[in-house]
């Protein structure tokens, strides 16, 4: 199981893009951390451990959506 520790300003969609390569995989990231979703709706505080799920998908199913703030 892979785990990361949040830094200042992290959000669920930002973490999905940075860790899983696609902001559209935010649902999978949140599903792997249900206890955190109920506590932290938007921004995550610094120093929280977040489980990084292993995402298996066919290449055509992954949209490779780039987060708009990353342009």
N, C-alpha and C. Protein backbone atom coordinates (compact mmCIF):
# COMPACT_ATOMS: atom_id res chain seq x y z
N UNK A 1 0.84 -1.17 0.00
CA UNK A 1 0.00 0.00 0.00
C UNK A 1 0.89 1.25 0.00
N UNK A 2 0.63 2.12 -0.95
CA UNK A 2 1.38 3.37 -1.03
C UNK A 2 0.62 4.47 -0.30
N UNK A 3 1.37 5.32 0.38
CA UNK A 3 0.79 6.42 1.14
C UNK A 3 1.60 7.67 0.85
N UNK A 4 0.93 8.80 0.81
CA UNK A 4 1.61 10.08 0.68
C UNK A 4 1.15 10.98 1.82
N UNK A 5 1.92 11.98 2.10
CA UNK A 5 1.57 12.94 3.15
C UNK A 5 1.28 14.27 2.46
N UNK A 6 0.14 14.86 2.81
CA UNK A 6 -0.27 16.10 2.16
C UNK A 6 0.63 17.26 2.53
N UNK A 7 0.66 18.22 1.63
CA UNK A 7 1.38 19.46 1.88
C UNK A 7 0.37 20.61 1.82
N UNK A 8 0.78 21.77 2.20
CA UNK A 8 -0.10 22.93 2.24
C UNK A 8 -0.74 23.16 0.87
N UNK A 9 -2.07 23.32 0.86
CA UNK A 9 -2.80 23.64 -0.36
C UNK A 9 -3.28 22.45 -1.17
N UNK A 10 -3.02 21.23 -0.71
CA UNK A 10 -3.48 20.06 -1.45
C UNK A 10 -5.00 19.95 -1.44
N UNK A 11 -5.52 19.55 -2.59
CA UNK A 11 -6.95 19.27 -2.75
C UNK A 11 -7.07 17.88 -3.36
N UNK A 12 -8.27 17.29 -3.27
CA UNK A 12 -8.48 15.95 -3.81
C UNK A 12 -8.16 15.88 -5.30
N UNK A 13 -8.65 16.84 -6.09
CA UNK A 13 -8.42 16.79 -7.53
C UNK A 13 -6.95 17.01 -7.87
N UNK A 14 -6.28 17.86 -7.12
CA UNK A 14 -4.85 18.10 -7.33
C UNK A 14 -4.04 16.84 -7.04
N UNK A 15 -4.38 16.17 -5.95
CA UNK A 15 -3.69 14.92 -5.60
C UNK A 15 -3.93 13.85 -6.65
N UNK A 16 -5.16 13.74 -7.15
CA UNK A 16 -5.48 12.74 -8.19
C UNK A 16 -4.63 12.97 -9.42
N UNK A 17 -4.49 14.22 -9.81
CA UNK A 17 -3.66 14.54 -10.98
C UNK A 17 -2.19 14.24 -10.71
N UNK A 18 -1.68 14.69 -9.59
CA UNK A 18 -0.27 14.51 -9.27
C UNK A 18 0.11 13.05 -9.02
N UNK A 19 -0.75 12.30 -8.34
CA UNK A 19 -0.42 10.93 -7.94
C UNK A 19 -0.86 9.87 -8.94
N UNK A 20 -2.01 10.11 -9.59
CA UNK A 20 -2.56 9.10 -10.49
C UNK A 20 -2.48 9.51 -11.96
N UNK A 21 -2.07 10.75 -12.20
CA UNK A 21 -1.88 11.20 -13.57
C UNK A 21 -3.12 11.71 -14.26
N UNK A 22 -4.25 11.80 -13.55
CA UNK A 22 -5.49 12.22 -14.18
C UNK A 22 -6.43 12.77 -13.10
N UNK A 23 -6.81 14.03 -13.23
CA UNK A 23 -7.73 14.64 -12.25
C UNK A 23 -9.08 13.94 -12.24
N UNK A 24 -9.45 13.28 -13.34
CA UNK A 24 -10.72 12.56 -13.41
C UNK A 24 -10.74 11.33 -12.49
N UNK A 25 -9.59 10.91 -11.98
CA UNK A 25 -9.53 9.77 -11.07
C UNK A 25 -9.70 10.17 -9.60
N UNK A 26 -10.21 11.36 -9.39
CA UNK A 26 -10.44 11.86 -8.03
C UNK A 26 -11.39 10.95 -7.26
N UNK A 27 -12.37 10.37 -7.94
CA UNK A 27 -13.34 9.47 -7.29
C UNK A 27 -12.63 8.24 -6.71
N UNK A 28 -11.70 7.67 -7.46
CA UNK A 28 -10.96 6.51 -6.99
C UNK A 28 -10.09 6.86 -5.79
N UNK A 29 -9.47 8.03 -5.83
CA UNK A 29 -8.64 8.47 -4.72
C UNK A 29 -9.47 8.68 -3.46
N UNK A 30 -10.61 9.32 -3.62
CA UNK A 30 -11.48 9.55 -2.47
C UNK A 30 -12.07 8.25 -1.94
N UNK A 31 -12.36 7.30 -2.82
CA UNK A 31 -12.90 6.01 -2.39
C UNK A 31 -11.88 5.23 -1.57
N UNK A 32 -10.60 5.44 -1.84
CA UNK A 32 -9.55 4.76 -1.08
C UNK A 32 -9.33 5.40 0.30
N UNK A 33 -9.93 6.58 0.52
CA UNK A 33 -9.75 7.32 1.77
C UNK A 33 -11.09 7.83 2.31
N UNK A 34 -12.08 6.95 2.50
CA UNK A 34 -13.41 7.41 2.90
C UNK A 34 -13.43 8.14 4.24
N UNK A 35 -12.55 7.78 5.14
CA UNK A 35 -12.53 8.43 6.45
C UNK A 35 -12.07 9.88 6.34
N UNK A 36 -11.27 10.20 5.35
CA UNK A 36 -10.80 11.57 5.15
C UNK A 36 -11.82 12.42 4.40
N UNK A 37 -12.56 11.79 3.52
CA UNK A 37 -13.56 12.53 2.73
C UNK A 37 -14.63 13.11 3.64
N UNK A 38 -15.04 12.36 4.64
CA UNK A 38 -16.08 12.83 5.54
C UNK A 38 -15.60 13.99 6.42
N UNK A 39 -14.30 14.10 6.61
CA UNK A 39 -13.75 15.17 7.45
C UNK A 39 -13.32 16.37 6.63
N UNK A 40 -12.64 16.12 5.52
CA UNK A 40 -12.05 17.19 4.71
C UNK A 40 -12.71 17.24 3.35
N UNK A 41 -13.60 18.19 3.17
CA UNK A 41 -14.37 18.28 1.94
C UNK A 41 -13.57 18.84 0.77
N UNK A 42 -12.84 19.90 0.97
CA UNK A 42 -12.11 20.54 -0.11
C UNK A 42 -10.62 20.40 0.07
N UNK A 43 -10.02 21.40 0.68
CA UNK A 43 -8.58 21.39 0.94
C UNK A 43 -8.27 20.43 2.07
N UNK A 44 -7.15 19.76 1.95
CA UNK A 44 -6.67 18.87 3.00
C UNK A 44 -5.60 19.59 3.80
N UNK A 45 -5.60 19.44 5.10
CA UNK A 45 -4.56 20.11 5.88
C UNK A 45 -3.20 19.45 5.64
N UNK A 46 -2.17 20.17 5.93
CA UNK A 46 -0.81 19.67 5.79
C UNK A 46 -0.56 18.54 6.78
N UNK A 47 0.14 17.49 6.32
CA UNK A 47 0.54 16.40 7.21
C UNK A 47 -0.42 15.25 7.33
N UNK A 48 -1.45 15.18 6.51
CA UNK A 48 -2.42 14.08 6.55
C UNK A 48 -1.94 12.96 5.63
N UNK A 49 -1.99 11.72 6.11
CA UNK A 49 -1.60 10.57 5.29
C UNK A 49 -2.77 10.17 4.40
N UNK A 50 -2.51 10.06 3.10
CA UNK A 50 -3.52 9.70 2.11
C UNK A 50 -3.06 8.43 1.40
N UNK A 51 -3.94 7.42 1.35
CA UNK A 51 -3.64 6.17 0.66
C UNK A 51 -3.77 6.40 -0.84
N UNK A 52 -2.78 5.95 -1.60
CA UNK A 52 -2.79 6.06 -3.05
C UNK A 52 -3.26 4.73 -3.62
N UNK A 53 -4.43 4.70 -4.26
CA UNK A 53 -4.94 3.43 -4.78
C UNK A 53 -4.20 3.02 -6.05
N UNK A 54 -4.20 1.72 -6.31
CA UNK A 54 -3.69 1.22 -7.58
C UNK A 54 -4.87 1.25 -8.53
N UNK A 55 -4.74 1.98 -9.61
CA UNK A 55 -5.84 2.13 -10.56
C UNK A 55 -5.52 1.33 -11.80
N UNK A 56 -6.39 0.35 -12.07
CA UNK A 56 -6.26 -0.45 -13.28
C UNK A 56 -7.37 -0.04 -14.23
N UNK A 57 -7.00 0.39 -15.40
CA UNK A 57 -7.98 0.78 -16.40
C UNK A 57 -7.38 0.59 -17.78
N UNK A 58 -8.25 0.32 -18.72
CA UNK A 58 -7.78 0.24 -20.10
C UNK A 58 -7.40 1.64 -20.55
N UNK A 59 -6.43 1.72 -21.41
CA UNK A 59 -5.90 3.02 -21.80
C UNK A 59 -6.97 3.94 -22.37
N UNK A 60 -7.95 3.42 -23.10
CA UNK A 60 -8.98 4.30 -23.66
C UNK A 60 -9.98 4.77 -22.61
N UNK A 61 -9.99 4.15 -21.45
CA UNK A 61 -10.89 4.59 -20.39
C UNK A 61 -10.31 5.75 -19.59
N UNK A 62 -9.01 5.89 -19.57
CA UNK A 62 -8.38 6.99 -18.85
C UNK A 62 -8.38 8.20 -19.76
N UNK A 63 -8.98 9.28 -19.29
CA UNK A 63 -9.16 10.46 -20.13
C UNK A 63 -7.94 11.35 -20.19
N UNK A 64 -7.03 11.23 -19.23
CA UNK A 64 -5.86 12.10 -19.16
C UNK A 64 -6.27 13.56 -19.12
N UNK A 65 -7.27 13.85 -18.31
CA UNK A 65 -7.73 15.23 -18.14
C UNK A 65 -6.67 15.99 -17.36
N UNK A 66 -6.22 17.08 -17.93
CA UNK A 66 -5.25 17.92 -17.25
C UNK A 66 -5.99 18.93 -16.39
N UNK A 67 -5.57 19.08 -15.18
CA UNK A 67 -6.20 20.04 -14.29
C UNK A 67 -6.07 21.44 -14.87
N UNK A 68 -7.15 22.23 -14.89
CA UNK A 68 -7.12 23.55 -15.53
C UNK A 68 -6.06 24.49 -14.96
N UNK A 69 -5.73 24.35 -13.70
CA UNK A 69 -4.75 25.25 -13.08
C UNK A 69 -3.31 24.85 -13.45
N UNK A 70 -3.13 23.70 -14.14
CA UNK A 70 -1.81 23.23 -14.51
C UNK A 70 -1.38 23.74 -15.90
N UNK A 71 -2.24 24.52 -16.57
CA UNK A 71 -1.90 25.02 -17.92
C UNK A 71 -0.80 26.02 -17.90
